[in-house]
């Protein structure tokens, strides 16, 4: 599995670049573009924890 990370200029009107992740599974290459809001108040870690907590609460 090939995994590469590159930084490319954002297509939005911001100065921050976005990240692009590529992962190959079999004959398919998946490309994921990650963009962050300049106004965001929580970190990626905070967002993931919030999503996990919400999923646990919904499953009970």
N, C-alpha and C. Protein backbone atom coordinates (compact mmCIF):
# COMPACT_ATOMS: atom_id res chain seq x y z
N UNK A 1 0.83 -1.18 0.00
CA UNK A 1 0.00 0.00 0.00
C UNK A 1 0.88 1.24 0.00
N UNK A 2 0.65 2.08 -0.95
CA UNK A 2 1.40 3.34 -1.03
C UNK A 2 0.62 4.42 -0.30
N UNK A 3 1.32 5.15 0.53
CA UNK A 3 0.68 6.24 1.26
C UNK A 3 1.59 7.46 1.15
N UNK A 4 1.05 8.53 0.58
CA UNK A 4 1.85 9.73 0.42
C UNK A 4 1.08 10.92 0.97
N UNK A 5 1.81 11.91 1.42
CA UNK A 5 1.20 13.14 1.88
C UNK A 5 1.85 14.29 1.12
N UNK A 6 1.01 15.13 0.57
CA UNK A 6 1.51 16.30 -0.12
C UNK A 6 0.73 17.52 0.34
N UNK A 7 1.35 18.66 0.22
CA UNK A 7 0.67 19.91 0.53
C UNK A 7 0.54 20.69 -0.77
N UNK A 8 -0.70 21.08 -1.07
CA UNK A 8 -0.96 21.82 -2.29
C UNK A 8 -1.65 23.13 -1.92
N UNK A 9 -1.55 24.14 -2.76
CA UNK A 9 -2.27 25.38 -2.48
C UNK A 9 -3.78 25.12 -2.45
N UNK A 10 -4.47 25.75 -1.54
CA UNK A 10 -5.91 25.59 -1.41
C UNK A 10 -6.62 26.24 -2.58
N UNK A 11 -7.76 25.67 -2.95
CA UNK A 11 -8.56 26.28 -4.00
C UNK A 11 -9.45 27.36 -3.43
N UNK A 12 -9.56 27.42 -2.09
CA UNK A 12 -10.36 28.47 -1.46
C UNK A 12 -9.55 29.75 -1.40
N UNK A 13 -10.19 30.83 -0.98
CA UNK A 13 -9.53 32.12 -0.91
C UNK A 13 -8.80 32.30 0.43
N UNK A 14 -8.09 31.29 0.88
CA UNK A 14 -7.33 31.37 2.12
C UNK A 14 -5.86 31.23 1.82
N UNK A 15 -5.04 31.61 2.75
CA UNK A 15 -3.59 31.51 2.56
C UNK A 15 -3.06 30.17 3.05
N UNK A 16 -3.86 29.43 3.84
CA UNK A 16 -3.41 28.15 4.36
C UNK A 16 -3.59 27.05 3.31
N UNK A 17 -2.58 26.23 3.10
CA UNK A 17 -2.74 25.10 2.16
C UNK A 17 -3.56 24.00 2.80
N UNK A 18 -4.12 23.14 1.98
CA UNK A 18 -4.81 21.98 2.52
C UNK A 18 -3.95 20.74 2.30
N UNK A 19 -4.27 19.70 3.01
CA UNK A 19 -3.51 18.46 2.91
C UNK A 19 -4.23 17.50 1.98
N UNK A 20 -3.45 16.72 1.25
CA UNK A 20 -3.98 15.67 0.40
C UNK A 20 -3.33 14.37 0.79
N UNK A 21 -4.16 13.38 1.09
CA UNK A 21 -3.67 12.05 1.43
C UNK A 21 -4.07 11.09 0.33
N UNK A 22 -3.17 10.23 -0.04
CA UNK A 22 -3.46 9.21 -1.04
C UNK A 22 -3.20 7.84 -0.44
N UNK A 23 -4.13 6.91 -0.69
CA UNK A 23 -3.96 5.55 -0.20
C UNK A 23 -4.43 4.60 -1.30
N UNK A 24 -3.59 3.63 -1.60
CA UNK A 24 -3.91 2.66 -2.63
C UNK A 24 -4.36 1.36 -1.97
N UNK A 25 -5.53 0.89 -2.36
CA UNK A 25 -6.06 -0.40 -1.89
C UNK A 25 -6.37 -1.21 -3.14
N UNK A 26 -5.62 -2.26 -3.34
CA UNK A 26 -5.77 -3.04 -4.56
C UNK A 26 -5.41 -2.20 -5.77
N UNK A 27 -6.32 -2.16 -6.73
CA UNK A 27 -6.09 -1.39 -7.96
C UNK A 27 -6.70 0.02 -7.89
N UNK A 28 -7.20 0.40 -6.71
CA UNK A 28 -7.87 1.70 -6.56
C UNK A 28 -7.03 2.62 -5.69
N UNK A 29 -6.84 3.84 -6.13
CA UNK A 29 -6.15 4.86 -5.35
C UNK A 29 -7.18 5.87 -4.86
N UNK A 30 -7.23 6.04 -3.56
CA UNK A 30 -8.15 6.99 -2.94
C UNK A 30 -7.37 8.26 -2.62
N UNK A 31 -7.93 9.40 -2.97
CA UNK A 31 -7.31 10.69 -2.69
C UNK A 31 -8.28 11.48 -1.82
N UNK A 32 -7.80 11.89 -0.65
CA UNK A 32 -8.63 12.62 0.32
C UNK A 32 -8.04 14.01 0.51
N UNK A 33 -8.88 15.02 0.33
CA UNK A 33 -8.47 16.41 0.53
C UNK A 33 -9.01 16.87 1.88
N UNK A 34 -8.14 17.40 2.71
CA UNK A 34 -8.53 17.85 4.04
C UNK A 34 -8.35 19.36 4.11
N UNK A 35 -9.43 20.06 4.41
CA UNK A 35 -9.40 21.52 4.53
C UNK A 35 -9.94 21.90 5.91
N UNK A 36 -9.38 22.92 6.50
CA UNK A 36 -9.80 23.38 7.80
C UNK A 36 -10.31 24.81 7.72
N UNK A 37 -11.32 25.09 8.49
CA UNK A 37 -11.87 26.44 8.56
C UNK A 37 -10.95 27.33 9.38
N UNK A 38 -10.76 28.55 8.92
CA UNK A 38 -9.96 29.52 9.66
C UNK A 38 -10.65 29.91 10.97
N UNK A 39 -11.98 29.79 11.02
CA UNK A 39 -12.74 30.20 12.19
C UNK A 39 -12.97 29.05 13.18
N UNK A 40 -12.46 27.87 12.89
CA UNK A 40 -12.68 26.70 13.74
C UNK A 40 -12.15 26.94 15.15
N UNK A 41 -12.94 26.51 16.13
CA UNK A 41 -12.56 26.68 17.54
C UNK A 41 -12.03 25.38 18.15
N UNK A 42 -12.22 24.25 17.47
CA UNK A 42 -11.75 22.99 18.03
C UNK A 42 -10.73 22.33 17.12
N UNK A 43 -9.82 21.58 17.72
CA UNK A 43 -8.77 20.89 16.97
C UNK A 43 -9.34 19.62 16.33
N UNK A 44 -8.57 19.00 15.46
CA UNK A 44 -9.00 17.75 14.84
C UNK A 44 -9.22 16.68 15.90
N UNK A 45 -8.35 16.65 16.90
CA UNK A 45 -8.49 15.69 17.99
C UNK A 45 -9.81 15.91 18.72
N UNK A 46 -10.15 17.18 19.01
CA UNK A 46 -11.42 17.51 19.67
C UNK A 46 -12.61 17.04 18.83
N UNK A 47 -12.54 17.24 17.53
CA UNK A 47 -13.64 16.85 16.65
C UNK A 47 -13.83 15.33 16.66
N UNK A 48 -12.72 14.60 16.57
CA UNK A 48 -12.81 13.13 16.56
C UNK A 48 -13.38 12.62 17.88
N UNK A 49 -12.92 13.17 18.99
CA UNK A 49 -13.45 12.76 20.31
C UNK A 49 -14.94 13.06 20.41
N UNK A 50 -15.36 14.22 19.92
CA UNK A 50 -16.78 14.59 19.95
C UNK A 50 -17.60 13.62 19.10
N UNK A 51 -17.11 13.25 17.92
CA UNK A 51 -17.82 12.30 17.07
C UNK A 51 -17.94 10.93 17.73
N UNK A 52 -16.86 10.48 18.36
CA UNK A 52 -16.91 9.17 19.05
C UNK A 52 -17.90 9.21 20.20
N UNK A 53 -17.87 10.27 21.01
CA UNK A 53 -18.80 10.39 22.14
C UNK A 53 -20.25 10.43 21.64
N UNK A 54 -20.50 11.17 20.57
CA UNK A 54 -21.86 11.23 20.03
C UNK A 54 -22.32 9.88 19.51
N UNK A 55 -21.42 9.14 18.88
CA UNK A 55 -21.78 7.84 18.36
C UNK A 55 -22.09 6.87 19.50
N UNK A 56 -21.31 6.93 20.57
CA UNK A 56 -21.56 6.07 21.74
C UNK A 56 -22.92 6.42 22.35
N UNK A 57 -23.18 7.71 22.50
CA UNK A 57 -24.45 8.15 23.09
C UNK A 57 -25.63 7.72 22.22
N UNK A 58 -25.50 7.78 20.91
CA UNK A 58 -26.58 7.38 20.00
C UNK A 58 -26.83 5.88 20.03
N UNK A 59 -25.81 5.09 20.32
CA UNK A 59 -25.96 3.63 20.29
C UNK A 59 -26.52 3.07 21.59
N UNK A 60 -26.65 3.90 22.62
CA UNK A 60 -27.17 3.41 23.91
C UNK A 60 -28.65 3.58 24.01
